[in-house]
Amino acid sequence: MRQSQTAVLERNTTLTGEFATEPYEAAWAGEARWFVQVLERSAEDAELTLTTQISPDGITWCDHDGGTHRTEGELTTWAVREFGQWLRVRGDVAPAGAQVKVRIYLAVKS
């Protein structure tokens, strides 16, 4: 029987500049999907760029092969496979001083 779990890593969090979510251990899972919901933008041109990062120990991080994602509209999603042990999202809010309020979910499945 397959197992699944959804974690809310950021809830109504206001982001500015560079950031990273808390790490999430998902060694048991074979696939994952990020959902990033933009609730508010401080300006129309406020842009959120996101990159999945992976880690063998939850301490040292590198970018996953999946590339960078830009939020467009209210909800942005992308899948991640072959990630090993730990996952998190690294991001950047531009231009300088802009703010974006978000919810970030990680859905994992065995």
N, C-alpha and C. Protein backbone atom coordinates (compact mmCIF):
# COMPACT_ATOMS: atom_id res chain seq x y z
N MET A 1 0.83 -1.17 0.00
CA MET A 1 0.00 0.00 0.00
C MET A 1 0.89 1.25 0.00
N ARG A 2 0.58 2.17 -0.89
CA ARG A 2 1.34 3.42 -0.96
C ARG A 2 0.96 4.32 0.20
N GLN A 3 1.91 5.13 0.63
CA GLN A 3 1.65 6.08 1.70
C GLN A 3 1.87 7.49 1.17
N SER A 4 1.16 8.44 1.74
CA SER A 4 1.34 9.84 1.34
C SER A 4 1.24 10.73 2.58
N GLN A 5 1.81 11.91 2.44
CA GLN A 5 1.79 12.88 3.54
C GLN A 5 1.97 14.27 2.96
N THR A 6 1.27 15.23 3.51
CA THR A 6 1.43 16.62 3.10
C THR A 6 1.87 17.45 4.30
N ALA A 7 2.96 18.17 4.12
CA ALA A 7 3.49 19.04 5.18
C ALA A 7 3.33 20.49 4.75
N VAL A 8 2.92 21.33 5.69
CA VAL A 8 2.86 22.77 5.44
C VAL A 8 4.14 23.36 6.03
N LEU A 9 5.07 23.77 5.16
CA LEU A 9 6.36 24.26 5.62
C LEU A 9 6.33 25.76 5.91
N GLU A 10 5.47 26.49 5.24
CA GLU A 10 5.29 27.92 5.52
C GLU A 10 3.80 28.21 5.46
N ARG A 11 3.29 28.92 6.46
CA ARG A 11 1.86 29.24 6.50
C ARG A 11 1.70 30.73 6.75
N ASN A 12 1.14 31.44 5.77
CA ASN A 12 0.93 32.90 5.88
C ASN A 12 2.23 33.61 6.24
N THR A 13 3.31 33.18 5.65
CA THR A 13 4.63 33.73 5.92
C THR A 13 4.96 34.81 4.91
N THR A 14 5.44 35.94 5.40
CA THR A 14 5.86 37.03 4.52
C THR A 14 7.35 36.89 4.25
N LEU A 15 7.69 36.77 2.97
CA LEU A 15 9.08 36.56 2.55
C LEU A 15 9.60 37.82 1.89
N THR A 16 10.90 38.07 2.11
CA THR A 16 11.57 39.17 1.44
C THR A 16 13.03 38.78 1.23
N GLY A 17 13.61 39.18 0.12
CA GLY A 17 15.01 38.85 -0.16
C GLY A 17 15.20 37.34 -0.30
N GLU A 18 16.39 36.87 0.08
CA GLU A 18 16.70 35.44 -0.01
C GLU A 18 16.18 34.72 1.23
N PHE A 19 15.74 33.47 1.05
CA PHE A 19 15.22 32.68 2.17
C PHE A 19 15.36 31.20 1.84
N ALA A 20 15.16 30.35 2.86
CA ALA A 20 15.07 28.90 2.68
C ALA A 20 14.07 28.38 3.70
N THR A 21 13.28 27.38 3.31
CA THR A 21 12.33 26.78 4.25
C THR A 21 13.07 25.87 5.22
N GLU A 22 12.37 25.45 6.25
CA GLU A 22 12.92 24.44 7.14
C GLU A 22 13.11 23.15 6.35
N PRO A 23 14.08 22.32 6.70
CA PRO A 23 14.28 21.05 6.00
C PRO A 23 13.17 20.05 6.34
N TYR A 24 12.91 19.14 5.41
CA TYR A 24 11.91 18.10 5.62
C TYR A 24 12.51 16.76 5.21
N GLU A 25 12.51 15.80 6.14
CA GLU A 25 13.08 14.48 5.85
C GLU A 25 12.04 13.61 5.17
N ALA A 26 12.38 13.11 4.00
CA ALA A 26 11.42 12.33 3.21
C ALA A 26 12.11 11.13 2.57
N ALA A 27 13.01 10.49 3.34
CA ALA A 27 13.77 9.36 2.78
C ALA A 27 12.86 8.20 2.37
N TRP A 28 11.72 8.04 3.02
CA TRP A 28 10.80 6.94 2.73
C TRP A 28 10.03 7.16 1.43
N ALA A 29 9.98 8.38 0.95
CA ALA A 29 9.14 8.74 -0.20
C ALA A 29 9.89 8.55 -1.52
N GLY A 30 9.14 8.20 -2.54
CA GLY A 30 9.72 8.04 -3.86
C GLY A 30 9.48 9.23 -4.76
N GLU A 31 8.51 10.05 -4.39
CA GLU A 31 8.21 11.24 -5.18
C GLU A 31 7.69 12.34 -4.28
N ALA A 32 7.85 13.56 -4.74
CA ALA A 32 7.39 14.72 -3.98
C ALA A 32 6.87 15.77 -4.96
N ARG A 33 6.02 16.64 -4.44
CA ARG A 33 5.51 17.76 -5.24
C ARG A 33 5.37 18.98 -4.34
N TRP A 34 5.96 20.09 -4.80
CA TRP A 34 5.83 21.37 -4.10
C TRP A 34 4.59 22.10 -4.60
N PHE A 35 3.91 22.76 -3.67
CA PHE A 35 2.81 23.68 -4.00
C PHE A 35 3.13 24.99 -3.29
N VAL A 36 3.23 26.06 -4.04
CA VAL A 36 3.50 27.38 -3.47
C VAL A 36 2.35 28.29 -3.83
N GLN A 37 1.62 28.73 -2.81
CA GLN A 37 0.46 29.59 -3.00
C GLN A 37 0.83 31.01 -2.59
N VAL A 38 0.73 31.94 -3.52
CA VAL A 38 1.00 33.34 -3.23
C VAL A 38 -0.30 33.99 -2.76
N LEU A 39 -0.29 34.50 -1.53
CA LEU A 39 -1.48 35.09 -0.94
C LEU A 39 -1.54 36.60 -1.16
N GLU A 40 -0.38 37.26 -1.10
CA GLU A 40 -0.30 38.71 -1.30
C GLU A 40 1.06 39.07 -1.87
N ARG A 41 1.08 40.13 -2.64
CA ARG A 41 2.33 40.71 -3.14
C ARG A 41 2.34 42.18 -2.73
N SER A 42 3.49 42.68 -2.32
CA SER A 42 3.57 44.08 -1.90
C SER A 42 3.49 45.03 -3.10
N ALA A 43 3.81 44.51 -4.28
CA ALA A 43 3.73 45.29 -5.51
C ALA A 43 3.45 44.33 -6.67
N GLU A 44 2.88 44.87 -7.74
CA GLU A 44 2.56 44.01 -8.89
C GLU A 44 3.78 43.34 -9.48
N ASP A 45 4.94 44.02 -9.40
CA ASP A 45 6.14 43.44 -9.99
C ASP A 45 6.93 42.56 -9.02
N ALA A 46 6.40 42.31 -7.81
CA ALA A 46 7.09 41.44 -6.86
C ALA A 46 7.13 40.02 -7.43
N GLU A 47 8.33 39.47 -7.53
CA GLU A 47 8.51 38.17 -8.18
C GLU A 47 9.18 37.20 -7.21
N LEU A 48 8.71 35.97 -7.19
CA LEU A 48 9.23 34.92 -6.31
C LEU A 48 9.86 33.84 -7.16
N THR A 49 11.15 33.56 -6.93
CA THR A 49 11.88 32.52 -7.63
C THR A 49 12.22 31.42 -6.64
N LEU A 50 12.01 30.15 -7.03
CA LEU A 50 12.15 29.03 -6.11
C LEU A 50 13.00 27.92 -6.71
N THR A 51 13.84 27.30 -5.88
CA THR A 51 14.68 26.19 -6.31
C THR A 51 14.63 25.09 -5.25
N THR A 52 14.37 23.86 -5.65
CA THR A 52 14.41 22.73 -4.72
C THR A 52 15.86 22.44 -4.37
N GLN A 53 16.10 22.23 -3.08
CA GLN A 53 17.43 21.82 -2.63
C GLN A 53 17.34 20.46 -1.94
N ILE A 54 18.42 19.69 -2.05
CA ILE A 54 18.49 18.37 -1.45
C ILE A 54 19.71 18.29 -0.54
N SER A 55 19.65 17.32 0.39
CA SER A 55 20.74 17.17 1.36
C SER A 55 20.81 15.72 1.83
N PRO A 56 22.03 15.22 2.09
CA PRO A 56 22.14 13.87 2.66
C PRO A 56 21.93 13.85 4.17
N ASP A 57 22.06 15.04 4.83
CA ASP A 57 22.03 15.08 6.29
C ASP A 57 21.16 16.19 6.89
N GLY A 58 20.53 17.00 6.06
CA GLY A 58 19.72 18.11 6.56
C GLY A 58 20.55 19.31 6.99
N ILE A 59 21.86 19.27 6.76
CA ILE A 59 22.75 20.36 7.16
C ILE A 59 23.41 21.01 5.95
N THR A 60 23.92 20.19 5.06
CA THR A 60 24.62 20.66 3.88
C THR A 60 23.71 20.52 2.66
N TRP A 61 23.57 21.59 1.87
CA TRP A 61 22.56 21.63 0.81
C TRP A 61 23.16 21.90 -0.55
N CYS A 62 22.51 21.35 -1.59
CA CYS A 62 22.84 21.70 -2.97
C CYS A 62 21.53 21.75 -3.76
N ASP A 63 21.56 22.44 -4.90
CA ASP A 63 20.38 22.55 -5.74
C ASP A 63 20.07 21.21 -6.40
N HIS A 64 18.78 20.87 -6.50
CA HIS A 64 18.33 19.68 -7.21
C HIS A 64 18.41 19.96 -8.70
N ASP A 65 18.41 18.90 -9.50
CA ASP A 65 18.54 19.04 -10.95
C ASP A 65 17.34 19.73 -11.60
N GLY A 66 16.24 19.90 -10.90
CA GLY A 66 14.99 20.35 -11.50
C GLY A 66 14.94 21.79 -11.96
N GLY A 67 15.94 22.60 -11.66
CA GLY A 67 15.93 23.98 -12.13
C GLY A 67 15.18 24.93 -11.21
N THR A 68 14.95 26.13 -11.72
CA THR A 68 14.33 27.20 -10.96
C THR A 68 12.90 27.42 -11.44
N HIS A 69 12.02 27.78 -10.50
CA HIS A 69 10.61 28.00 -10.83
C HIS A 69 10.22 29.41 -10.41
N ARG A 70 9.43 30.06 -11.23
CA ARG A 70 8.90 31.39 -10.92
C ARG A 70 7.41 31.25 -10.67
N THR A 71 6.93 31.95 -9.64
CA THR A 71 5.50 31.91 -9.38
C THR A 71 4.77 32.73 -10.42
N GLU A 72 3.74 32.15 -10.94
CA GLU A 72 2.87 32.84 -11.89
C GLU A 72 1.45 32.57 -11.45
N GLY A 73 0.70 33.60 -11.20
CA GLY A 73 -0.65 33.41 -10.70
C GLY A 73 -0.62 33.07 -9.22
N GLU A 74 -1.69 32.45 -8.75
CA GLU A 74 -1.82 32.19 -7.33
C GLU A 74 -1.07 30.94 -6.88
N LEU A 75 -1.08 29.87 -7.70
CA LEU A 75 -0.50 28.60 -7.26
C LEU A 75 0.50 28.09 -8.28
N THR A 76 1.68 27.74 -7.79
CA THR A 76 2.74 27.18 -8.62
C THR A 76 3.10 25.81 -8.05
N THR A 77 3.33 24.82 -8.92
CA THR A 77 3.65 23.48 -8.47
C THR A 77 4.67 22.84 -9.38
N TRP A 78 5.48 21.95 -8.83
CA TRP A 78 6.42 21.17 -9.62
C TRP A 78 6.76 19.89 -8.86
N ALA A 79 7.10 18.85 -9.63
CA ALA A 79 7.41 17.53 -9.06
C ALA A 79 8.91 17.38 -8.85
N VAL A 80 9.27 16.52 -7.89
CA VAL A 80 10.68 16.23 -7.60
C VAL A 80 10.81 14.71 -7.43
N ARG A 81 11.82 14.13 -8.08
CA ARG A 81 12.09 12.70 -7.94
C ARG A 81 13.58 12.50 -7.70
N GLU A 82 13.93 11.32 -7.18
CA GLU A 82 15.33 10.95 -6.94
C GLU A 82 16.03 12.02 -6.11
N PHE A 83 15.46 12.31 -4.95
CA PHE A 83 16.00 13.38 -4.10
C PHE A 83 16.76 12.87 -2.89
N GLY A 84 16.74 11.59 -2.61
CA GLY A 84 17.51 11.09 -1.47
C GLY A 84 16.80 11.30 -0.15
N GLN A 85 17.43 12.00 0.79
CA GLN A 85 16.95 12.08 2.16
C GLN A 85 16.11 13.32 2.50
N TRP A 86 16.67 14.51 2.30
CA TRP A 86 16.09 15.74 2.81
C TRP A 86 15.74 16.70 1.67
N LEU A 87 14.66 17.48 1.88
CA LEU A 87 14.22 18.47 0.90
C LEU A 87 13.98 19.82 1.59
N ARG A 88 14.18 20.87 0.84
CA ARG A 88 13.76 22.20 1.24
C ARG A 88 13.68 23.05 -0.02
N VAL A 89 13.14 24.26 0.11
CA VAL A 89 13.10 25.19 -1.01
C VAL A 89 13.91 26.42 -0.65
N ARG A 90 14.77 26.81 -1.57
CA ARG A 90 15.52 28.07 -1.46
C ARG A 90 14.86 29.04 -2.42
N GLY A 91 14.75 30.31 -2.02
CA GLY A 91 14.09 31.25 -2.90
C GLY A 91 14.60 32.66 -2.77
N ASP A 92 14.05 33.50 -3.63
CA ASP A 92 14.43 34.91 -3.64
C ASP A 92 13.21 35.73 -4.07
N VAL A 93 12.97 36.82 -3.34
CA VAL A 93 11.91 37.76 -3.69
C VAL A 93 12.58 39.00 -4.28
N ALA A 94 12.17 39.38 -5.47
CA ALA A 94 12.73 40.55 -6.15
C ALA A 94 11.57 41.44 -6.62
N PRO A 95 11.81 42.72 -6.83
CA PRO A 95 13.04 43.47 -6.62
C PRO A 95 13.31 43.68 -5.13
N ALA A 96 14.46 44.27 -4.82
CA ALA A 96 14.85 44.51 -3.43
C ALA A 96 13.76 45.27 -2.69
N GLY A 97 13.43 44.80 -1.50
CA GLY A 97 12.42 45.44 -0.67
C GLY A 97 11.01 44.92 -0.88
N ALA A 98 10.80 44.15 -1.96
CA ALA A 98 9.46 43.58 -2.22
C ALA A 98 9.16 42.48 -1.21
N GLN A 99 7.87 42.25 -0.96
CA GLN A 99 7.44 41.21 -0.03
C GLN A 99 6.37 40.36 -0.70
N VAL A 100 6.39 39.06 -0.38
CA VAL A 100 5.39 38.13 -0.87
C VAL A 100 4.94 37.27 0.30
N LYS A 101 3.61 37.19 0.50
CA LYS A 101 3.05 36.35 1.57
C LYS A 101 2.64 35.02 0.95
N VAL A 102 3.09 33.91 1.55
CA VAL A 102 2.90 32.60 0.91
C VAL A 102 2.45 31.52 1.89
N ARG A 103 1.98 30.43 1.29
CA ARG A 103 1.88 29.12 1.94
C ARG A 103 2.69 28.18 1.07
N ILE A 104 3.51 27.34 1.69
CA ILE A 104 4.31 26.37 0.94
C ILE A 104 4.02 24.98 1.49
N TYR A 105 3.53 24.11 0.60
CA TYR A 105 3.20 22.74 0.96
C TYR A 105 4.17 21.79 0.26
N LEU A 106 4.50 20.70 0.94
CA LEU A 106 5.26 19.62 0.32
C LEU A 106 4.44 18.35 0.46
N ALA A 107 4.03 17.77 -0.67
CA ALA A 107 3.27 16.52 -0.68
C ALA A 107 4.22 15.41 -1.12
N VAL A 108 4.37 14.37 -0.28
CA VAL A 108 5.28 13.27 -0.59
C VAL A 108 4.49 11.96 -0.61
N LYS A 109 4.99 11.02 -1.44
CA LYS A 109 4.28 9.76 -1.64
C LYS A 109 5.31 8.65 -1.81
N SER A 110 5.04 7.48 -1.23
CA SER A 110 5.97 6.34 -1.37
C SER A 110 5.81 5.70 -2.73
